[in-house]
C-alpha atoms as a PDB file:
ATOM      1  CA  MET A   1     241.823 198.369 -56.964  1.00  0.00           C
ATOM      2  CA  LYS A   2     242.085 198.228 -53.142  1.00  0.00           C
ATOM      3  CA  ILE A   3     239.102 197.259 -51.139  1.00  0.00           C
ATOM      4  CA  SER A   4     238.389 199.780 -48.474  1.00  0.00           C
ATOM      5  CA  SER A   5     238.863 198.945 -44.791  1.00  0.00           C
ATOM      6  CA  LYS A   6     235.156 199.451 -44.206  1.00  0.00           C
ATOM      7  CA  ILE A   7     234.310 196.543 -46.672  1.00  0.00           C
ATOM      8  CA  TRP A   8     236.928 194.206 -45.241  1.00  0.00           C
ATOM      9  CA  LYS A   9     235.308 194.793 -41.845  1.00  0.00           C
ATOM     10  CA  ILE A  10     231.918 193.914 -43.185  1.00  0.00           C
ATOM     11  CA  ILE A  11     233.273 190.758 -44.711  1.00  0.00           C
ATOM     12  CA  TRP A  12     235.210 189.746 -41.366  1.00  0.00           C
ATOM     13  CA  ILE A  13     232.043 190.426 -39.312  1.00  0.00           C
ATOM     14  CA  SER A  14     229.779 188.562 -41.664  1.00  0.00           C
ATOM     15  CA  GLY A  15     232.320 185.703 -41.793  1.00  0.00           C
ATOM     16  CA  ILE A  16     232.093 185.542 -37.891  1.00  0.00           C
ATOM     17  CA  TYR A  17     228.280 185.557 -37.927  1.00  0.00           C
ATOM     18  CA  ILE A  18     228.428 182.773 -40.417  1.00  0.00           C
ATOM     19  CA  LEU A  19     230.749 180.514 -38.461  1.00  0.00           C
ATOM     20  CA  LEU A  20     228.681 181.146 -35.391  1.00  0.00           C
ATOM     21  CA  PHE A  21     225.552 180.268 -37.269  1.00  0.00           C
ATOM     22  CA  ILE A  22     227.303 176.955 -38.472  1.00  0.00           C
ATOM     23  CA  ILE A  23     228.351 176.144 -35.062  1.00  0.00           C
ATOM     24  CA  LEU A  24     224.851 176.659 -33.608  1.00  0.00           C
ATOM     25  CA  TYR A  25     223.477 174.531 -36.343  1.00  0.00           C
ATOM     26  CA  LEU A  26     225.898 171.760 -35.640  1.00  0.00           C
ATOM     27  CA  VAL A  27     225.001 172.103 -31.874  1.00  0.00           C
ATOM     28  CA  VAL A  28     221.362 171.877 -32.599  1.00  0.00           C
ATOM     29  CA  ILE A  29     221.744 168.839 -34.932  1.00  0.00           C
ATOM     30  CA  TYR A  30     223.770 167.126 -32.166  1.00  0.00           C
ATOM     31  CA  LYS A  31     221.099 167.771 -29.642  1.00  0.00           C
ATOM     32  CA  VAL A  32     218.274 166.680 -31.827  1.00  0.00           C
ATOM     33  CA  GLU A  33     220.028 163.647 -33.445  1.00  0.00           C
ATOM     34  CA  TRP A  34     222.510 162.256 -31.024  1.00  0.00           C
ATOM     35  CA  GLU A  35     222.354 163.749 -27.337  1.00  0.00           C
ATOM     36  CA  ASP A  36     218.986 162.222 -26.750  1.00  0.00           C
ATOM     37  CA  LYS A  37     219.416 159.283 -28.864  1.00  0.00           C
ATOM     38  CA  ASP A  38     219.059 155.797 -27.239  1.00  0.00           C
ATOM     39  CA  LEU A  39     221.929 153.666 -28.515  1.00  0.00           C
ATOM     40  CA  ASN A  40     220.725 150.780 -26.477  1.00  0.00           C
ATOM     41  CA  THR A  41     219.648 147.493 -28.278  1.00  0.00           C
ATOM     42  CA  TYR A  42     216.282 146.187 -27.121  1.00  0.00           C
ATOM     43  CA  LEU A  43     214.345 143.095 -27.187  1.00  0.00           C
ATOM     44  CA  TYR A  44     210.805 143.895 -27.939  1.00  0.00           C
ATOM     45  CA  PHE A  45     207.667 141.712 -27.058  1.00  0.00           C
ATOM     46  CA  TYR A  46     204.761 142.366 -29.350  1.00  0.00           C
ATOM     47  CA  ASN A  47     201.541 140.917 -30.869  1.00  0.00           C
ATOM     48  CA  CYS A  48     201.896 139.142 -34.216  1.00  0.00           C
ATOM     49  CA  ASN A  49     198.818 137.436 -35.544  1.00  0.00           C
ATOM     50  CA  HIS A  50     197.525 136.939 -32.027  1.00  0.00           C
ATOM     51  CA  GLU A  51     200.673 135.388 -30.690  1.00  0.00           C
ATOM     52  CA  LEU A  52     203.568 136.632 -28.730  1.00  0.00           C
ATOM     53  CA  CYS A  53     206.753 137.508 -30.945  1.00  0.00           C
ATOM     54  CA  SER A  54     209.935 139.105 -30.010  1.00  0.00           C
ATOM     55  CA  SER A  55     212.397 141.088 -32.019  1.00  0.00           C
ATOM     56  CA  THR A  56     215.362 143.351 -31.713  1.00  0.00           C
ATOM     57  CA  THR A  57     213.967 145.527 -34.421  1.00  0.00           C
ATOM     58  CA  LYS A  58     211.975 148.501 -32.953  1.00  0.00           C
ATOM     59  CA  GLN A  59     208.119 147.902 -32.981  1.00  0.00           C
ATOM     60  CA  ASP A  60     205.586 150.706 -33.310  1.00  0.00           C
ATOM     61  CA  ASP A  61     203.250 148.857 -31.009  1.00  0.00           C
ATOM     62  CA  TYR A  62     204.652 146.501 -28.306  1.00  0.00           C
ATOM     63  CA  TYR A  63     203.924 145.088 -24.828  1.00  0.00           C
ATOM     64  CA  SER A  64     207.334 145.837 -23.237  1.00  0.00           C
ATOM     65  CA  LYS A  65     211.043 145.839 -23.891  1.00  0.00           C
ATOM     66  CA  ILE A  66     214.273 144.577 -22.309  1.00  0.00           C
ATOM     67  CA  VAL A  67     217.680 146.112 -22.788  1.00  0.00           C
ATOM     68  CA  CYS A  68     220.185 143.924 -24.227  1.00  0.00           C
ATOM     69  CA  GLU A  69     223.577 144.440 -22.524  1.00  0.00           C
ATOM     70  CA  ASN A  70     226.609 144.486 -24.837  1.00  0.00           C
ATOM     71  CA  ASN A  71     224.155 143.629 -27.622  1.00  0.00           C
ATOM     72  CA  VAL A  72     223.444 140.327 -26.090  1.00  0.00           C
ATOM     73  CA  CYS A  73     219.529 139.823 -25.699  1.00  0.00           C
ATOM     74  CA  PRO A  74     217.780 137.198 -23.712  1.00  0.00           C
ATOM     75  CA  TYR A  75     215.734 134.455 -25.341  1.00  0.00           C
ATOM     76  CA  ILE A  76     212.431 133.017 -24.415  1.00  0.00           C
ATOM     77  CA  GLU A  77     212.722 129.478 -22.978  1.00  0.00           C
ATOM     78  CA  SER A  78     208.901 129.142 -21.985  1.00  0.00           C
ATOM     79  CA  VAL A  79     205.802 131.203 -22.213  1.00  0.00           C
ATOM     80  CA  ILE A  80     203.354 130.703 -19.304  1.00  0.00           C
ATOM     81  CA  GLY A  81     200.343 132.946 -19.711  1.00  0.00           C
ATOM     82  CA  ASN A  82     201.601 136.554 -19.448  1.00  0.00           C
ATOM     83  CA  ASN A  83     204.819 135.261 -18.067  1.00  0.00           C
ATOM     84  CA  LEU A  84     207.966 134.165 -19.631  1.00  0.00           C
ATOM     85  CA  ILE A  85     211.133 132.212 -18.582  1.00  0.00           C
ATOM     86  CA  LEU A  86     214.034 134.229 -20.198  1.00  0.00           C
ATOM     87  CA  ARG A  87     217.553 133.147 -20.400  1.00  0.00           C
ATOM     88  CA  LYS A  88     220.748 134.967 -20.981  1.00  0.00           C
ATOM     89  CA  GLU A  89     223.920 133.094 -21.030  1.00  0.00           C
ATOM     90  CA  ASN A  90     224.042 131.104 -17.771  1.00  0.00           C
ATOM     91  CA  ASN A  91     221.124 132.823 -16.045  1.00  0.00           C
ATOM     92  CA  SER A  92     217.410 132.725 -16.302  1.00  0.00           C
ATOM     93  CA  TRP A  93     214.450 134.558 -14.689  1.00  0.00           C
ATOM     94  CA  ILE A  94     210.687 134.832 -14.621  1.00  0.00           C
ATOM     95  CA  TYR A  95     209.346 138.019 -16.334  1.00  0.00           C
ATOM     96  CA  ASN A  96     205.742 139.387 -16.990  1.00  0.00           C
ATOM     97  CA  TYR A  97     205.869 140.994 -20.448  1.00  0.00           C
ATOM     98  CA  ILE A  98     202.516 142.771 -19.867  1.00  0.00           C
ATOM     99  CA  THR A  99     203.432 144.594 -16.745  1.00  0.00           C
ATOM    100  CA  ASP A 100     207.197 144.730 -17.519  1.00  0.00           C
ATOM    101  CA  LYS A 101     208.114 143.419 -14.175  1.00  0.00           C
ATOM    102  CA  ILE A 102     210.606 140.726 -13.168  1.00  0.00           C
ATOM    103  CA  ILE A 103     208.649 138.082 -11.115  1.00  0.00           C
ATOM    104  CA  ASN A 104     211.524 136.149  -9.711  1.00  0.00           C
ATOM    105  CA  ASN A 105     215.286 136.150 -10.268  1.00  0.00           C
ATOM    106  CA  SER A 106     216.417 134.500  -7.088  1.00  0.00           C
ATOM    107  CA  TYR A 107     217.704 131.387  -8.994  1.00  0.00           C
ATOM    108  CA  ILE A 108     220.069 130.660 -11.822  1.00  0.00           C
ATOM    109  CA  ASP A 109     217.743 128.279 -13.446  1.00  0.00           C
ATOM    110  CA  TYR A 110     213.811 127.893 -13.879  1.00  0.00           C
ATOM    111  CA  ARG A 111     211.935 124.950 -15.603  1.00  0.00           C
ATOM    112  CA  TYR A 112     208.072 125.161 -15.804  1.00  0.00           C
ATOM    113  CA  ILE A 113     206.352 121.938 -14.577  1.00  0.00           C
ATOM    114  CA  GLY A 114     202.738 123.189 -14.959  1.00  0.00           C
ATOM    115  CA  HIS A 115     200.139 124.549 -12.408  1.00  0.00           C
ATOM    116  CA  ASP A 116     202.095 127.692 -12.034  1.00  0.00           C
ATOM    117  CA  MET A 117     205.029 125.747 -10.532  1.00  0.00           C
ATOM    118  CA  PHE A 118     208.805 125.716 -11.346  1.00  0.00           C
ATOM    119  CA  VAL A 119     211.741 123.464 -10.636  1.00  0.00           C
ATOM    120  CA  VAL A 120     214.464 125.979  -9.745  1.00  0.00           C
ATOM    121  CA  THR A 121     218.178 125.570  -9.309  1.00  0.00           C
ATOM    122  CA  ASN A 122     220.256 127.490  -6.900  1.00  0.00           C
ATOM    123  CA  ASP A 123     223.890 128.668  -7.100  1.00  0.00           C
ATOM    124  CA  THR A 124     225.231 125.272  -5.773  1.00  0.00           C
ATOM    125  CA  ASN A 125     223.219 123.409  -8.484  1.00  0.00           C
ATOM    126  CA  ASN A 126     220.678 121.956  -6.066  1.00  0.00           C
ATOM    127  CA  GLN A 127     217.002 121.883  -7.156  1.00  0.00           C
ATOM    128  CA  GLY A 128     213.756 122.604  -5.518  1.00  0.00           C
ATOM    129  CA  VAL A 129     210.282 123.758  -6.380  1.00  0.00           C
ATOM    130  CA  ILE A 130     208.595 127.132  -6.070  1.00  0.00           C
ATOM    131  CA  ASN A 131     205.268 128.574  -7.153  1.00  0.00           C
ATOM    132  CA  LEU A 132     204.569 131.740  -9.147  1.00  0.00           C
ATOM    133  CA  SER A 133     204.436 133.801  -5.986  1.00  0.00           C
ATOM    134  CA  GLY A 134     207.948 132.617  -5.046  1.00  0.00           C
ATOM    135  CA  GLU A 135     206.766 130.317  -2.257  1.00  0.00           C
ATOM    136  CA  ILE A 136     209.159 127.449  -1.761  1.00  0.00           C
ATOM    137  CA  LEU A 137     207.331 124.185  -2.105  1.00  0.00           C
ATOM    138  CA  VAL A 138     210.356 121.908  -1.979  1.00  0.00           C
ATOM    139  CA  SER A 139     213.678 123.301  -0.590  1.00  0.00           C
ATOM    140  CA  PRO A 140     216.578 123.145  -3.054  1.00  0.00           C
ATOM    141  CA  LYS A 141     218.379 119.862  -1.890  1.00  0.00           C
ATOM    142  CA  TYR A 142     217.984 117.527  -4.910  1.00  0.00           C
ATOM    143  CA  ASP A 143     220.444 116.789  -7.710  1.00  0.00           C
ATOM    144  CA  TYR A 144     217.531 116.636 -10.190  1.00  0.00           C
ATOM    145  CA  ILE A 145     213.752 117.022  -9.817  1.00  0.00           C
ATOM    146  CA  ASP A 146     211.725 115.727 -12.702  1.00  0.00           C
ATOM    147  CA  ASP A 147     208.225 116.627 -11.407  1.00  0.00           C
ATOM    148  CA  TYR A 148     206.177 117.637  -8.333  1.00  0.00           C
ATOM    149  CA  ASN A 149     202.477 116.897  -7.615  1.00  0.00           C
ATOM    150  CA  ASN A 150     200.887 117.852  -4.304  1.00  0.00           C
ATOM    151  CA  GLY A 151     203.820 117.197  -2.092  1.00  0.00           C
ATOM    152  CA  ILE A 152     205.086 114.315  -3.999  1.00  0.00           C
ATOM    153  CA  ILE A 153     208.537 114.569  -5.887  1.00  0.00           C
ATOM    154  CA  SER A 154     209.972 112.475  -8.633  1.00  0.00           C
ATOM    155  CA  TYR A 155     213.678 112.793  -8.697  1.00  0.00           C
ATOM    156  CA  LYS A 156     216.567 111.418 -10.598  1.00  0.00           C
ATOM    157  CA  LYS A 157     219.727 110.008  -9.069  1.00  0.00           C
ATOM    158  CA  ASP A 158     222.435 107.890 -10.692  1.00  0.00           C
ATOM    159  CA  ASN A 159     220.364 108.018 -13.938  1.00  0.00           C
ATOM    160  CA  LEU A 160     217.350 106.322 -12.339  1.00  0.00           C
ATOM    161  CA  PHE A 161     214.260 107.934 -10.888  1.00  0.00           C
ATOM    162  CA  GLY A 162     212.560 107.600  -7.445  1.00  0.00           C
ATOM    163  CA  ILE A 163     209.977 109.238  -5.346  1.00  0.00           C
ATOM    164  CA  ASP A 164     210.041 111.390  -2.105  1.00  0.00           C
ATOM    165  CA  THR A 165     207.486 113.453  -0.482  1.00  0.00           C
ATOM    166  CA  VAL A 166     207.716 116.722   1.474  1.00  0.00           C
ATOM    167  CA  ASP A 167     206.193 115.061   4.504  1.00  0.00           C
ATOM    168  CA  ASN A 168     208.316 111.906   4.116  1.00  0.00           C
ATOM    169  CA  ILE A 169     205.074 109.713   4.021  1.00  0.00           C
ATOM    170  CA  TYR A 170     206.365 107.876   0.822  1.00  0.00           C
ATOM    171  CA  GLN A 171     209.826 107.104  -0.320  1.00  0.00           C
ATOM    172  CA  VAL A 172     210.366 104.956  -3.351  1.00  0.00           C
ATOM    173  CA  SER A 173     213.768 103.966  -4.312  1.00  0.00           C
ATOM    174  CA  ASN A 174     215.408 105.177  -7.437  1.00  0.00           C
ATOM    175  CA  ASP A 175     214.885 101.903  -9.407  1.00  0.00           C
ATOM    176  CA  TYR A 176     212.826 103.159 -12.454  1.00  0.00           C
ATOM    177  CA  GLU A 177     213.968 104.324 -15.965  1.00  0.00           C
ATOM    178  CA  ASP A 178     211.241 106.841 -15.690  1.00  0.00           C
ATOM    179  CA  ILE A 179     208.343 107.899 -13.354  1.00  0.00           C
ATOM    180  CA  VAL A 180     205.111 109.612 -14.120  1.00  0.00           C
ATOM    181  CA  LEU A 181     203.160 111.082 -11.090  1.00  0.00           C
ATOM    182  CA  ILE A 182     199.483 110.643 -11.350  1.00  0.00           C
ATOM    183  CA  ASN A 183     197.970 111.386  -7.986  1.00  0.00           C
ATOM    184  CA  ASP A 184     198.427 110.875  -4.424  1.00  0.00           C
ATOM    185  CA  LYS A 185     197.634 107.062  -4.686  1.00  0.00           C
ATOM    186  CA  ILE A 186     199.262 105.729  -7.766  1.00  0.00           C
ATOM    187  CA  PHE A 187     202.157 106.447 -10.177  1.00  0.00           C
ATOM    188  CA  ALA A 188     203.521 104.871 -13.358  1.00  0.00           C
ATOM    189  CA  GLY A 189     207.014 103.579 -13.318  1.00  0.00           C
ATOM    190  CA  ARG A 190     209.024 102.224 -16.307  1.00  0.00           C
ATOM    191  CA  LYS A 191     211.216  99.206 -16.171  1.00  0.00           C
ATOM    192  CA  ASP A 192     212.723  97.389 -19.203  1.00  0.00           C
ATOM    193  CA  ASN A 193     211.008 100.030 -21.395  1.00  0.00           C
ATOM    194  CA  ILE A 194     207.585  98.946 -20.165  1.00  0.00           C
ATOM    195  CA  TYR A 195     205.303 101.068 -17.819  1.00  0.00           C
ATOM    196  CA  HIS A 196     203.279  99.655 -14.955  1.00  0.00           C
ATOM    197  CA  LEU A 197     201.078 101.439 -12.430  1.00  0.00           C
ATOM    198  CA  TYR A 198     201.882 101.243  -8.866  1.00  0.00           C
ATOM    199  CA  SER A 199     200.514 102.050  -5.570  1.00  0.00           C
ATOM    200  CA  TYR A 200     202.593 104.079  -3.222  1.00  0.00           C
ATOM    201  CA  ASN A 201     201.596 101.875  -0.367  1.00  0.00           C
ATOM    202  CA  ASP A 202     202.691  98.713  -2.289  1.00  0.00           C
ATOM    203  CA  VAL A 203     205.420  99.337  -4.721  1.00  0.00           C
ATOM    204  CA  ASN A 204     206.229  95.633  -5.128  1.00  0.00           C
ATOM    205  CA  ASN A 205     202.788  94.883  -6.648  1.00  0.00           C
ATOM    206  CA  GLU A 206     202.567  96.135 -10.052  1.00  0.00           C
ATOM    207  CA  ASN A 207     199.390  96.485 -12.160  1.00  0.00           C
ATOM    208  CA  ALA A 208     199.021  93.771 -14.715  1.00  0.00           C
ATOM    209  CA  ASN A 209     198.363  96.225 -17.639  1.00  0.00           C
ATOM    210  CA  LYS A 210     201.513  97.090 -19.639  1.00  0.00           C
ATOM    211  CA  TYR A 211     201.859 100.433 -21.464  1.00  0.00           C
ATOM    212  CA  ASN A 212     204.492 101.868 -23.874  1.00  0.00           C
ATOM    213  CA  PHE A 213     203.757 105.418 -22.819  1.00  0.00           C
ATOM    214  CA  VAL A 214     201.859 107.093 -19.897  1.00  0.00           C
ATOM    215  CA  TYR A 215     200.969 110.839 -19.607  1.00  0.00           C
ATOM    216  CA  ALA A 216     198.974 112.139 -16.524  1.00  0.00           C
ATOM    217  CA  TYR A 217     197.129 115.421 -16.116  1.00  0.00           C
ATOM    218  CA  GLU A 218     194.902 116.006 -13.100  1.00  0.00           C
ATOM    219  CA  ASP A 219     192.476 113.163 -13.099  1.00  0.00           C
ATOM    220  CA  ILE A 220     193.046 111.889 -16.620  1.00  0.00           C
ATOM    221  CA  ILE A 221     195.711 109.365 -17.747  1.00  0.00           C
ATOM    222  CA  LEU A 222     196.768 108.918 -21.354  1.00  0.00           C
ATOM    223  CA  VAL A 223     198.273 105.617 -22.130  1.00  0.00           C
ATOM    224  CA  ALA A 224     199.592 103.987 -25.449  1.00  0.00           C
ATOM    225  CA  ASN A 225     200.089 100.370 -25.968  1.00  0.00           C
ATOM    226  CA  ASN A 226     200.228  98.060 -29.109  1.00  0.00           C
ATOM    227  CA  LYS A 227     199.485 100.953 -31.479  1.00  0.00           C
ATOM    228  CA  LYS A 228     196.443 102.043 -29.661  1.00  0.00           C
ATOM    229  CA  ILE A 229     195.830 105.014 -27.404  1.00  0.00           C
ATOM    230  CA  ASP A 230     193.345 105.240 -24.569  1.00  0.00           C
ATOM    231  CA  ILE A 231     192.499 107.832 -21.851  1.00  0.00           C
ATOM    232  CA  LEU A 232     191.662 106.344 -18.380  1.00  0.00           C
ATOM    233  CA  ASP A 233     190.164 108.022 -15.279  1.00  0.00           C
ATOM    234  CA  THR A 234     191.913 107.573 -11.867  1.00  0.00           C
ATOM    235  CA  LYS A 235     190.176 104.362 -11.309  1.00  0.00           C
ATOM    236  CA  LEU A 236     191.760 103.172 -14.555  1.00  0.00           C
ATOM    237  CA  ASN A 237     188.530 102.785 -16.579  1.00  0.00           C
ATOM    238  CA  SER A 238     188.610 103.843 -20.021  1.00  0.00           C
ATOM    239  CA  THR A 239     186.735 107.030 -20.833  1.00  0.00           C
ATOM    240  CA  LEU A 240     186.766 106.455 -24.691  1.00  0.00           C
ATOM    241  CA  LEU A 241     184.395 104.488 -26.492  1.00  0.00           C
ATOM    242  CA  ILE A 242     186.787 103.111 -28.952  1.00  0.00           C
ATOM    243  CA  LYS A 243     190.613 103.197 -28.379  1.00  0.00           C
ATOM    244  CA  ILE A 244     192.374 105.327 -30.951  1.00  0.00           C
ATOM    245  CA  ASP A 245     194.521 103.415 -33.628  1.00  0.00           C
ATOM    246  CA  SER A 246     198.001 104.831 -34.246  1.00  0.00           C
ATOM    247  CA  PHE A 247     200.846 104.094 -36.673  1.00  0.00           C
ATOM    248  CA  TYR A 248     203.481 104.216 -33.856  1.00  0.00           C
ATOM    249  CA  GLU A 249     204.022 102.073 -30.980  1.00  0.00           C
ATOM    250  CA  TYR A 250     205.230 105.260 -28.946  1.00  0.00           C
ATOM    251  CA  THR A 251     208.199 103.551 -27.417  1.00  0.00           C
ATOM    252  CA  ILE A 252     211.006 105.906 -28.104  1.00  0.00           C
ATOM    253  CA  GLU A 253     211.583 109.607 -27.371  1.00  0.00           C
ATOM    254  CA  LYS A 254     211.151 110.649 -31.030  1.00  0.00           C
ATOM    255  CA  GLU A 255     207.799 109.055 -31.308  1.00  0.00           C
ATOM    256  CA  ARG A 256     206.558 110.239 -27.997  1.00  0.00           C
ATOM    257  CA  ASP A 257     207.438 113.776 -28.965  1.00  0.00           C
ATOM    258  CA  SER A 258     205.268 113.296 -31.984  1.00  0.00           C
ATOM    259  CA  LEU A 259     202.229 113.135 -29.694  1.00  0.00           C
ATOM    260  CA  ASP A 260     202.798 116.826 -29.142  1.00  0.00           C
ATOM    261  CA  ILE A 261     200.738 116.781 -25.895  1.00  0.00           C
ATOM    262  CA  TYR A 262     199.595 119.950 -24.324  1.00  0.00           C
ATOM    263  CA  VAL A 263     196.669 121.340 -22.205  1.00  0.00           C
ATOM    264  CA  ASP A 264     195.020 124.708 -22.889  1.00  0.00           C
ATOM    265  CA  GLU A 265     191.844 126.182 -21.261  1.00  0.00           C
ATOM    266  CA  GLY A 266     190.683 122.627 -20.103  1.00  0.00           C
ATOM    267  CA  ILE A 267     191.305 120.894 -23.396  1.00  0.00           C
ATOM    268  CA  LEU A 268     193.884 118.187 -23.799  1.00  0.00           C
ATOM    269  CA  TYR A 269     195.378 118.302 -27.344  1.00  0.00           C
ATOM    270  CA  PHE A 270     197.375 115.505 -28.836  1.00  0.00           C
ATOM    271  CA  ASN A 271     198.409 114.213 -32.264  1.00  0.00           C
ATOM    272  CA  VAL A 272     198.067 110.648 -33.492  1.00  0.00           C
ATOM    273  CA  PHE A 273     200.015 109.607 -36.508  1.00  0.00           C
ATOM    274  CA  ILE A 274     198.095 107.521 -38.934  1.00  0.00           C
ATOM    275  CA  SER A 275     201.058 107.114 -41.284  1.00  0.00           C
ATOM    276  CA  GLU A 276     204.750 108.253 -41.218  1.00  0.00           C
ATOM    277  CA  THR A 277     203.748 111.781 -42.458  1.00  0.00           C
ATOM    278  CA  GLU A 278     199.979 112.145 -41.596  1.00  0.00           C
ATOM    279  CA  TYR A 279     198.545 112.638 -38.237  1.00  0.00           C
ATOM    280  CA  THR A 280     195.136 113.594 -36.732  1.00  0.00           C
ATOM    281  CA  THR A 281     194.945 116.154 -34.001  1.00  0.00           C
ATOM    282  CA  TYR A 282     192.493 115.141 -31.074  1.00  0.00           C
ATOM    283  CA  LYS A 283     190.915 117.366 -28.584  1.00  0.00           C
ATOM    284  CA  TYR A 284     189.817 115.942 -25.280  1.00  0.00           C
ATOM    285  CA  ASN A 285     187.658 117.984 -22.878  1.00  0.00           C
ATOM    286  CA  ILE A 286     189.036 117.324 -19.277  1.00  0.00           C
ATOM    287  CA  SER A 287     185.811 118.347 -17.554  1.00  0.00           C
ATOM    288  CA  THR A 288     183.329 116.224 -19.659  1.00  0.00           C
ATOM    289  CA  LYS A 289     185.935 113.546 -20.315  1.00  0.00           C
ATOM    290  CA  LYS A 290     184.893 113.362 -23.868  1.00  0.00           C
ATOM    291  CA  LEU A 291     186.603 113.918 -27.340  1.00  0.00           C
ATOM    292  CA  VAL A 292     185.530 117.163 -28.932  1.00  0.00           C
END
């Protein structure tokens, strides 16, 4: 039985409408799912248990995000308040994750040394010091800057440490295995694995006291010697009623690191091992100069 030409016409027109509907559907699906889809990979900064965390997995609630070029994301080297030192391959920069702004990216490397100051390395591998505002405190001219304190610079050359000053008042030859800047009058220098305290005005006269380890922050000096830890003021008087006994001598890098010293909101935190595996965490109030 032959189908009339009218029925064929209906089938043909219906087929065209169905095909147009399919095409329209595919176009809509493409627009919705693909045309506006962000195919970039991001590193998200977010709050997890009251700490800063980062993840390449999308977060529902996050502070900010950074695009990862070629799927290579930066990683966090240091956290300084709301600012981060981020590194990707051979470059680093200072980034505020709250405001989503780059604070400084004029140098190839940044190293935080406290008090909102950074040792920076330029493209000729010379080091200087800047503050968080980008102000140059020390022009990049040193091979390696270890620390900076109120115009005084400890630097490393030929694997030994020395001291220079911005105004060239003090210059101490690089004769030390390590240097700890304390204030504008004294510093700690290590020779033959023992620290002594020296005056900038008389580096040939060393303090009679010997220390295995010295750490300085503002007007306090934490020292370790003969398995005892003490905290001194800038007049070298003890601020502790009793020195703290420790399991370690704190004479090698691994044992020094086990102190895990850091300062947060006016409190100096440090660990003291009482055995190979057990330790006590101490809190020292910098203002009252007392253990809390």
